[in-house]
Amino acid sequence: MSDLTHFDKDGRATMVDVGSKQVTQRRALASGQVIMARDTLQHLGANKKGDVVTIAELAGIMSAKKTADLIPLCHPLPLSKVHVSISVDPDLPGLKVKAETKTAGQTGVEMEALTAVSVACLTIYDMLKAVDKHMVIGEIKLLEKQGGKSGDWTRRKT
């Protein structure tokens, strides 16, 4: 278990001690998608509940700020930026979601970016499920992270 930082030497769950780490600028970028029927895309602007995209973007931002309340061993972080953007991709067909998070801190903001994407996707599903229960949420992944002891990382193009 030595490679897994959230377990102690006895295999018990623990919150990582970041107290001695340097405060550095941290950034993360994550993405995901919601695949749906082509007809479902027509409901984006006409939904009686409101603007699906704007509401999902706000839900993503709000959830990033609550990540430590949702993921048991995450540190609460003072986020300096959360940006969620959703775009239509007719080739899926569906919506692509991206989230960028930033902080100056002792630990990274990857989980906040991934949480923002996940909740934005769930919000899209919730708002459109009345017309399409076959939607699929997927491809939620970290694209980039910057800062910290392990340095910068970018997902390889596949």
N, C-alpha and C. Protein backbone atom coordinates (compact mmCIF):
# COMPACT_ATOMS: atom_id res chain seq x y z
N MET A 1 0.82 -1.20 0.00
CA MET A 1 0.00 0.00 0.00
C MET A 1 0.86 1.26 0.00
N SER A 2 2.17 1.13 -0.02
CA SER A 2 3.06 2.28 0.11
C SER A 2 2.86 3.31 -1.00
N ASP A 3 2.38 2.92 -2.17
CA ASP A 3 2.18 3.86 -3.26
C ASP A 3 0.89 4.66 -3.11
N LEU A 4 -0.03 4.20 -2.29
CA LEU A 4 -1.30 4.89 -2.11
C LEU A 4 -1.21 5.81 -0.92
N THR A 5 -1.26 7.12 -1.17
CA THR A 5 -0.99 8.11 -0.13
C THR A 5 -2.12 8.23 0.90
N HIS A 6 -3.29 7.72 0.61
CA HIS A 6 -4.41 7.84 1.54
C HIS A 6 -4.52 6.65 2.51
N PHE A 7 -3.47 5.85 2.59
CA PHE A 7 -3.43 4.73 3.54
C PHE A 7 -2.14 4.82 4.35
N ASP A 8 -2.24 4.54 5.64
CA ASP A 8 -1.04 4.53 6.47
C ASP A 8 -0.32 3.18 6.34
N LYS A 9 0.75 2.98 7.09
CA LYS A 9 1.55 1.76 6.98
C LYS A 9 0.77 0.50 7.34
N ASP A 10 -0.32 0.67 8.10
CA ASP A 10 -1.15 -0.47 8.49
C ASP A 10 -2.35 -0.67 7.56
N GLY A 11 -2.43 0.15 6.50
CA GLY A 11 -3.52 0.01 5.54
C GLY A 11 -4.81 0.72 5.93
N ARG A 12 -4.74 1.59 6.92
CA ARG A 12 -5.93 2.33 7.35
C ARG A 12 -6.00 3.66 6.62
N ALA A 13 -7.22 4.08 6.32
CA ALA A 13 -7.42 5.34 5.62
C ALA A 13 -6.91 6.51 6.45
N THR A 14 -6.27 7.45 5.77
CA THR A 14 -5.75 8.64 6.43
C THR A 14 -5.78 9.82 5.47
N MET A 15 -5.96 11.00 6.03
CA MET A 15 -5.85 12.21 5.23
C MET A 15 -4.37 12.56 5.12
N VAL A 16 -3.90 12.82 3.93
CA VAL A 16 -2.49 13.11 3.70
C VAL A 16 -2.10 14.38 4.44
N ASP A 17 -0.97 14.35 5.14
CA ASP A 17 -0.47 15.53 5.84
C ASP A 17 0.28 16.39 4.85
N VAL A 18 -0.29 17.56 4.52
CA VAL A 18 0.35 18.46 3.57
C VAL A 18 0.96 19.67 4.26
N GLY A 19 1.00 19.64 5.59
CA GLY A 19 1.46 20.78 6.38
C GLY A 19 2.86 21.26 6.07
N SER A 20 3.75 20.37 5.68
CA SER A 20 5.13 20.79 5.40
C SER A 20 5.38 21.10 3.92
N LYS A 21 4.35 20.93 3.10
CA LYS A 21 4.51 21.20 1.67
C LYS A 21 4.47 22.71 1.40
N GLN A 22 5.19 23.11 0.37
CA GLN A 22 5.22 24.51 -0.05
C GLN A 22 3.87 24.91 -0.65
N VAL A 23 3.48 26.15 -0.40
CA VAL A 23 2.31 26.71 -1.08
C VAL A 23 2.75 27.08 -2.49
N THR A 24 2.09 26.50 -3.49
CA THR A 24 2.39 26.82 -4.88
C THR A 24 1.09 27.04 -5.63
N GLN A 25 1.20 27.64 -6.79
CA GLN A 25 0.05 27.82 -7.66
C GLN A 25 -0.34 26.45 -8.22
N ARG A 26 -1.60 26.11 -8.12
CA ARG A 26 -2.10 24.81 -8.60
C ARG A 26 -3.22 25.06 -9.59
N ARG A 27 -3.28 24.20 -10.60
CA ARG A 27 -4.32 24.30 -11.63
C ARG A 27 -4.65 22.90 -12.10
N ALA A 28 -5.92 22.67 -12.40
CA ALA A 28 -6.34 21.38 -12.97
C ALA A 28 -7.40 21.63 -14.03
N LEU A 29 -7.42 20.77 -15.02
CA LEU A 29 -8.41 20.82 -16.09
C LEU A 29 -8.96 19.42 -16.28
N ALA A 30 -10.29 19.29 -16.24
CA ALA A 30 -10.94 17.99 -16.40
C ALA A 30 -12.04 18.11 -17.44
N SER A 31 -12.47 16.95 -17.95
CA SER A 31 -13.55 16.97 -18.94
C SER A 31 -14.44 15.74 -18.78
N GLY A 32 -15.59 15.82 -19.41
CA GLY A 32 -16.55 14.72 -19.45
C GLY A 32 -17.56 14.98 -20.54
N GLN A 33 -18.51 14.08 -20.66
CA GLN A 33 -19.52 14.26 -21.72
C GLN A 33 -20.82 13.57 -21.34
N VAL A 34 -21.88 14.06 -21.96
CA VAL A 34 -23.19 13.43 -21.83
C VAL A 34 -23.66 13.15 -23.26
N ILE A 35 -23.77 11.86 -23.57
CA ILE A 35 -24.23 11.45 -24.90
C ILE A 35 -25.75 11.29 -24.83
N MET A 36 -26.42 11.79 -25.85
CA MET A 36 -27.89 11.77 -25.86
C MET A 36 -28.41 11.62 -27.28
N ALA A 37 -29.71 11.39 -27.38
CA ALA A 37 -30.35 11.32 -28.69
C ALA A 37 -30.28 12.70 -29.34
N ARG A 38 -30.21 12.71 -30.66
CA ARG A 38 -30.17 13.99 -31.38
C ARG A 38 -31.38 14.86 -31.05
N ASP A 39 -32.53 14.24 -30.90
CA ASP A 39 -33.74 14.99 -30.57
C ASP A 39 -33.63 15.68 -29.21
N THR A 40 -32.88 15.09 -28.30
CA THR A 40 -32.74 15.66 -26.96
C THR A 40 -32.02 17.00 -27.00
N LEU A 41 -31.09 17.15 -27.91
CA LEU A 41 -30.36 18.42 -28.04
C LEU A 41 -31.30 19.58 -28.31
N GLN A 42 -32.42 19.32 -28.96
CA GLN A 42 -33.39 20.37 -29.27
C GLN A 42 -34.02 20.95 -28.01
N HIS A 43 -34.01 20.21 -26.92
CA HIS A 43 -34.64 20.65 -25.68
C HIS A 43 -33.75 21.58 -24.84
N LEU A 44 -32.53 21.79 -25.25
CA LEU A 44 -31.60 22.58 -24.45
C LEU A 44 -32.10 23.99 -24.17
N GLY A 45 -32.60 24.67 -25.20
CA GLY A 45 -33.08 26.04 -25.01
C GLY A 45 -34.55 26.11 -24.66
N ALA A 46 -35.29 25.02 -24.90
CA ALA A 46 -36.74 25.05 -24.73
C ALA A 46 -37.21 24.40 -23.44
N ASN A 47 -36.29 23.95 -22.60
CA ASN A 47 -36.67 23.25 -21.37
C ASN A 47 -37.42 24.18 -20.43
N LYS A 48 -38.55 23.74 -19.92
CA LYS A 48 -39.37 24.56 -19.02
C LYS A 48 -38.65 24.85 -17.70
N LYS A 49 -37.67 24.05 -17.35
CA LYS A 49 -36.92 24.27 -16.11
C LYS A 49 -35.89 25.38 -16.26
N GLY A 50 -35.66 25.85 -17.46
CA GLY A 50 -34.68 26.91 -17.67
C GLY A 50 -33.56 26.49 -18.60
N ASP A 51 -32.54 27.31 -18.64
CA ASP A 51 -31.40 27.09 -19.52
C ASP A 51 -30.52 25.97 -18.93
N VAL A 52 -30.59 24.81 -19.54
CA VAL A 52 -29.88 23.62 -19.04
C VAL A 52 -28.38 23.88 -18.92
N VAL A 53 -27.78 24.46 -19.92
CA VAL A 53 -26.33 24.65 -19.93
C VAL A 53 -25.89 25.58 -18.80
N THR A 54 -26.55 26.72 -18.66
CA THR A 54 -26.17 27.67 -17.62
C THR A 54 -26.35 27.07 -16.22
N ILE A 55 -27.45 26.38 -16.02
CA ILE A 55 -27.71 25.76 -14.71
C ILE A 55 -26.66 24.69 -14.41
N ALA A 56 -26.31 23.89 -15.41
CA ALA A 56 -25.30 22.84 -15.21
C ALA A 56 -23.93 23.45 -14.94
N GLU A 57 -23.60 24.54 -15.61
CA GLU A 57 -22.31 25.21 -15.35
C GLU A 57 -22.27 25.73 -13.91
N LEU A 58 -23.35 26.34 -13.45
CA LEU A 58 -23.42 26.82 -12.06
C LEU A 58 -23.33 25.67 -11.06
N ALA A 59 -24.00 24.56 -11.36
CA ALA A 59 -23.94 23.39 -10.48
C ALA A 59 -22.50 22.87 -10.38
N GLY A 60 -21.79 22.87 -11.49
CA GLY A 60 -20.39 22.45 -11.49
C GLY A 60 -19.53 23.35 -10.62
N ILE A 61 -19.73 24.66 -10.74
CA ILE A 61 -18.97 25.61 -9.92
C ILE A 61 -19.27 25.40 -8.44
N MET A 62 -20.55 25.30 -8.12
CA MET A 62 -20.95 25.11 -6.72
C MET A 62 -20.38 23.82 -6.13
N SER A 63 -20.38 22.76 -6.92
CA SER A 63 -19.89 21.47 -6.42
C SER A 63 -18.38 21.48 -6.20
N ALA A 64 -17.64 22.18 -7.05
CA ALA A 64 -16.19 22.26 -6.86
C ALA A 64 -15.87 22.84 -5.49
N LYS A 65 -16.68 23.81 -5.06
CA LYS A 65 -16.47 24.44 -3.75
C LYS A 65 -16.83 23.52 -2.60
N LYS A 66 -17.55 22.43 -2.87
CA LYS A 66 -18.00 21.49 -1.84
C LYS A 66 -17.27 20.15 -1.91
N THR A 67 -16.22 20.06 -2.69
CA THR A 67 -15.53 18.79 -2.92
C THR A 67 -15.11 18.11 -1.61
N ALA A 68 -14.55 18.86 -0.69
CA ALA A 68 -14.09 18.27 0.57
C ALA A 68 -15.25 17.71 1.40
N ASP A 69 -16.46 18.21 1.17
CA ASP A 69 -17.65 17.67 1.86
C ASP A 69 -18.12 16.37 1.22
N LEU A 70 -17.75 16.14 -0.03
CA LEU A 70 -18.22 14.97 -0.78
C LEU A 70 -17.22 13.83 -0.82
N ILE A 71 -15.94 14.14 -0.90
CA ILE A 71 -14.88 13.14 -1.01
C ILE A 71 -14.18 13.08 0.35
N PRO A 72 -14.30 11.98 1.07
CA PRO A 72 -13.90 11.92 2.48
C PRO A 72 -12.49 12.40 2.82
N LEU A 73 -11.49 12.15 2.00
CA LEU A 73 -10.12 12.47 2.39
C LEU A 73 -9.55 13.69 1.67
N CYS A 74 -10.41 14.45 0.98
CA CYS A 74 -9.95 15.67 0.32
C CYS A 74 -9.80 16.80 1.33
N HIS A 75 -8.79 17.62 1.09
CA HIS A 75 -8.59 18.81 1.93
C HIS A 75 -9.52 19.92 1.43
N PRO A 76 -10.10 20.70 2.34
CA PRO A 76 -10.86 21.88 1.91
C PRO A 76 -9.87 22.91 1.36
N LEU A 77 -10.16 23.44 0.20
CA LEU A 77 -9.23 24.36 -0.45
C LEU A 77 -9.88 25.72 -0.72
N PRO A 78 -9.10 26.79 -0.58
CA PRO A 78 -9.61 28.11 -0.98
C PRO A 78 -9.41 28.27 -2.49
N LEU A 79 -10.43 28.00 -3.23
CA LEU A 79 -10.33 28.06 -4.69
C LEU A 79 -10.26 29.51 -5.16
N SER A 80 -9.32 29.80 -6.05
CA SER A 80 -9.23 31.14 -6.62
C SER A 80 -9.96 31.24 -7.95
N LYS A 81 -10.22 30.07 -8.56
CA LYS A 81 -10.95 30.07 -9.82
C LYS A 81 -11.62 28.72 -10.03
N VAL A 82 -12.87 28.78 -10.50
CA VAL A 82 -13.56 27.61 -11.02
C VAL A 82 -14.29 28.08 -12.26
N HIS A 83 -13.97 27.48 -13.37
CA HIS A 83 -14.65 27.82 -14.63
C HIS A 83 -15.17 26.52 -15.25
N VAL A 84 -16.46 26.47 -15.51
CA VAL A 84 -17.08 25.31 -16.15
C VAL A 84 -17.66 25.77 -17.48
N SER A 85 -17.33 25.06 -18.54
CA SER A 85 -17.89 25.39 -19.85
C SER A 85 -18.49 24.13 -20.47
N ILE A 86 -19.63 24.32 -21.10
CA ILE A 86 -20.35 23.22 -21.73
C ILE A 86 -20.61 23.60 -23.18
N SER A 87 -20.31 22.66 -24.07
CA SER A 87 -20.51 22.91 -25.49
C SER A 87 -21.25 21.75 -26.14
N VAL A 88 -22.01 22.09 -27.17
CA VAL A 88 -22.74 21.08 -27.95
C VAL A 88 -21.76 20.42 -28.90
N ASP A 89 -21.83 19.10 -28.96
CA ASP A 89 -21.03 18.34 -29.93
C ASP A 89 -22.00 17.47 -30.72
N PRO A 90 -22.38 17.92 -31.91
CA PRO A 90 -23.35 17.16 -32.70
C PRO A 90 -22.83 15.80 -33.13
N ASP A 91 -21.51 15.60 -33.12
CA ASP A 91 -20.95 14.31 -33.51
C ASP A 91 -21.15 13.23 -32.44
N LEU A 92 -21.31 13.62 -31.16
CA LEU A 92 -21.50 12.61 -30.10
C LEU A 92 -22.77 11.79 -30.34
N PRO A 93 -23.92 12.27 -30.44
CA PRO A 93 -24.37 13.63 -30.17
C PRO A 93 -24.49 13.86 -28.66
N GLY A 94 -24.29 15.12 -28.26
CA GLY A 94 -24.43 15.43 -26.85
C GLY A 94 -23.68 16.67 -26.46
N LEU A 95 -23.31 16.71 -25.18
CA LEU A 95 -22.65 17.88 -24.61
C LEU A 95 -21.29 17.49 -24.05
N LYS A 96 -20.31 18.34 -24.27
CA LYS A 96 -18.98 18.18 -23.68
C LYS A 96 -18.84 19.19 -22.55
N VAL A 97 -18.29 18.73 -21.44
CA VAL A 97 -18.13 19.56 -20.25
C VAL A 97 -16.65 19.66 -19.92
N LYS A 98 -16.19 20.88 -19.62
CA LYS A 98 -14.82 21.09 -19.15
C LYS A 98 -14.87 21.94 -17.89
N ALA A 99 -13.95 21.67 -16.98
CA ALA A 99 -13.83 22.46 -15.76
C ALA A 99 -12.37 22.75 -15.49
N GLU A 100 -12.09 24.00 -15.15
CA GLU A 100 -10.76 24.43 -14.76
C GLU A 100 -10.84 24.94 -13.33
N THR A 101 -9.91 24.51 -12.49
CA THR A 101 -9.85 24.95 -11.10
C THR A 101 -8.45 25.45 -10.79
N LYS A 102 -8.38 26.46 -9.89
CA LYS A 102 -7.09 27.01 -9.49
C LYS A 102 -7.11 27.33 -8.01
N THR A 103 -5.92 27.25 -7.41
CA THR A 103 -5.71 27.68 -6.03
C THR A 103 -4.23 27.93 -5.81
N ALA A 104 -3.93 28.64 -4.76
CA ALA A 104 -2.56 28.71 -4.25
C ALA A 104 -2.62 27.90 -2.96
N GLY A 105 -1.98 26.73 -2.97
CA GLY A 105 -2.12 25.87 -1.81
C GLY A 105 -1.03 24.83 -1.70
N GLN A 106 -1.24 23.92 -0.73
CA GLN A 106 -0.28 22.87 -0.44
C GLN A 106 -0.67 21.53 -1.05
N THR A 107 -1.82 21.50 -1.73
CA THR A 107 -2.27 20.29 -2.40
C THR A 107 -3.04 20.67 -3.66
N GLY A 108 -3.16 19.74 -4.57
CA GLY A 108 -3.72 20.02 -5.88
C GLY A 108 -5.23 20.17 -5.91
N VAL A 109 -5.72 20.61 -7.06
CA VAL A 109 -7.15 20.86 -7.26
C VAL A 109 -7.77 19.92 -8.30
N GLU A 110 -7.14 18.75 -8.49
CA GLU A 110 -7.67 17.80 -9.47
C GLU A 110 -9.07 17.32 -9.09
N MET A 111 -9.26 16.99 -7.82
CA MET A 111 -10.57 16.47 -7.39
C MET A 111 -11.67 17.50 -7.55
N GLU A 112 -11.34 18.77 -7.37
CA GLU A 112 -12.32 19.84 -7.55
C GLU A 112 -12.74 19.96 -9.01
N ALA A 113 -11.78 19.84 -9.92
CA ALA A 113 -12.12 19.89 -11.35
C ALA A 113 -12.96 18.68 -11.75
N LEU A 114 -12.58 17.50 -11.27
CA LEU A 114 -13.33 16.28 -11.59
C LEU A 114 -14.73 16.31 -10.98
N THR A 115 -14.86 16.85 -9.78
CA THR A 115 -16.18 16.97 -9.15
C THR A 115 -17.06 17.94 -9.93
N ALA A 116 -16.49 19.06 -10.35
CA ALA A 116 -17.26 20.04 -11.14
C ALA A 116 -17.81 19.41 -12.41
N VAL A 117 -16.98 18.66 -13.12
CA VAL A 117 -17.42 17.99 -14.35
C VAL A 117 -18.51 16.97 -14.04
N SER A 118 -18.29 16.17 -13.01
CA SER A 118 -19.25 15.11 -12.67
C SER A 118 -20.62 15.68 -12.33
N VAL A 119 -20.65 16.70 -11.50
CA VAL A 119 -21.94 17.28 -11.09
C VAL A 119 -22.59 18.04 -12.24
N ALA A 120 -21.82 18.69 -13.08
CA ALA A 120 -22.39 19.35 -14.25
C ALA A 120 -23.06 18.30 -15.16
N CYS A 121 -22.39 17.17 -15.37
CA CYS A 121 -22.97 16.09 -16.18
C CYS A 121 -24.24 15.53 -15.54
N LEU A 122 -24.21 15.33 -14.24
CA LEU A 122 -25.40 14.84 -13.53
C LEU A 122 -26.56 15.83 -13.62
N THR A 123 -26.25 17.11 -13.58
CA THR A 123 -27.28 18.14 -13.70
C THR A 123 -27.91 18.12 -15.08
N ILE A 124 -27.09 17.95 -16.10
CA ILE A 124 -27.62 17.84 -17.47
C ILE A 124 -28.56 16.64 -17.54
N TYR A 125 -28.13 15.52 -17.01
CA TYR A 125 -28.98 14.32 -17.02
C TYR A 125 -30.29 14.59 -16.31
N ASP A 126 -30.22 15.18 -15.12
CA ASP A 126 -31.42 15.45 -14.34
C ASP A 126 -32.41 16.34 -15.11
N MET A 127 -31.90 17.34 -15.77
CA MET A 127 -32.79 18.29 -16.44
C MET A 127 -33.37 17.77 -17.74
N LEU A 128 -32.71 16.77 -18.35
CA LEU A 128 -33.18 16.26 -19.63
C LEU A 128 -33.75 14.84 -19.56
N LYS A 129 -33.74 14.24 -18.40
CA LYS A 129 -34.18 12.84 -18.27
C LYS A 129 -35.65 12.64 -18.62
N ALA A 130 -36.45 13.67 -18.53
CA ALA A 130 -37.87 13.55 -18.88
C ALA A 130 -38.06 13.21 -20.36
N VAL A 131 -37.09 13.60 -21.20
CA VAL A 131 -37.20 13.31 -22.62
C VAL A 131 -36.22 12.25 -23.10
N ASP A 132 -35.23 11.88 -22.26
CA ASP A 132 -34.23 10.90 -22.71
C ASP A 132 -33.56 10.22 -21.51
N LYS A 133 -34.09 9.09 -21.13
CA LYS A 133 -33.50 8.33 -20.02
C LYS A 133 -32.32 7.47 -20.49
N HIS A 134 -32.07 7.45 -21.79
CA HIS A 134 -30.97 6.66 -22.34
C HIS A 134 -29.65 7.41 -22.39
N MET A 135 -29.62 8.64 -21.91
CA MET A 135 -28.37 9.41 -21.93
C MET A 135 -27.27 8.64 -21.18
N VAL A 136 -26.04 8.86 -21.61
CA VAL A 136 -24.89 8.21 -21.00
C VAL A 136 -23.89 9.28 -20.59
N ILE A 137 -23.53 9.25 -19.31
CA ILE A 137 -22.48 10.13 -18.80
C ILE A 137 -21.17 9.36 -18.87
N GLY A 138 -20.14 9.99 -19.40
CA GLY A 138 -18.89 9.24 -19.50
C GLY A 138 -17.68 10.10 -19.79
N GLU A 139 -16.57 9.37 -19.98
CA GLU A 139 -15.28 9.98 -20.33
C GLU A 139 -14.87 11.07 -19.36
N ILE A 140 -15.24 10.95 -18.08
CA ILE A 140 -14.80 11.93 -17.09
C ILE A 140 -13.34 11.64 -16.78
N LYS A 141 -12.50 12.66 -17.00
CA LYS A 141 -11.06 12.42 -16.86
C LYS A 141 -10.31 13.72 -16.60
N LEU A 142 -9.17 13.58 -15.96
CA LEU A 142 -8.25 14.69 -15.76
C LEU A 142 -7.48 14.88 -17.06
N LEU A 143 -7.41 16.12 -17.53
CA LEU A 143 -6.67 16.43 -18.76
C LEU A 143 -5.29 17.00 -18.45
N GLU A 144 -5.22 17.85 -17.42
CA GLU A 144 -3.96 18.50 -17.06
C GLU A 144 -3.96 18.82 -15.57
N LYS A 145 -2.76 18.89 -15.01
CA LYS A 145 -2.58 19.46 -13.68
C LYS A 145 -1.25 20.18 -13.67
N GLN A 146 -1.22 21.27 -12.93
CA GLN A 146 0.00 22.07 -12.84
C GLN A 146 0.28 22.39 -11.39
N GLY A 147 1.57 22.42 -11.05
CA GLY A 147 2.02 22.81 -9.73
C GLY A 147 2.26 21.62 -8.82
N GLY A 148 2.87 21.91 -7.70
CA GLY A 148 3.09 20.89 -6.69
C GLY A 148 4.39 20.13 -6.87
N LYS A 149 4.65 19.26 -5.91
CA LYS A 149 5.89 18.47 -5.85
C LYS A 149 6.06 17.58 -7.08
N SER A 150 4.97 16.99 -7.56
CA SER A 150 5.08 16.06 -8.69
C SER A 150 5.16 16.79 -10.03
N GLY A 151 5.00 18.11 -10.02
CA GLY A 151 5.15 18.89 -11.25
C GLY A 151 3.93 18.87 -12.14
N ASP A 152 4.13 19.30 -13.36
CA ASP A 152 3.04 19.40 -14.32
C ASP A 152 2.80 18.05 -14.99
N TRP A 153 1.55 17.84 -15.39
CA TRP A 153 1.16 16.59 -16.04
C TRP A 153 0.09 16.90 -17.07
N THR A 154 0.20 16.28 -18.24
CA THR A 154 -0.81 16.40 -19.29
C THR A 154 -1.13 15.03 -19.82
N ARG A 155 -2.44 14.75 -19.96
CA ARG A 155 -2.89 13.46 -20.51
C ARG A 155 -2.37 13.32 -21.93
N ARG A 156 -1.86 12.14 -22.23
CA ARG A 156 -1.42 11.84 -23.60
C ARG A 156 -2.62 11.80 -24.54
N LYS A 157 -2.44 12.27 -25.72
CA LYS A 157 -3.49 12.20 -26.75
C LYS A 157 -3.62 10.76 -27.20
N THR A 158 -4.88 10.27 -27.28
CA THR A 158 -5.08 8.89 -27.74
C THR A 158 -5.83 8.85 -29.03
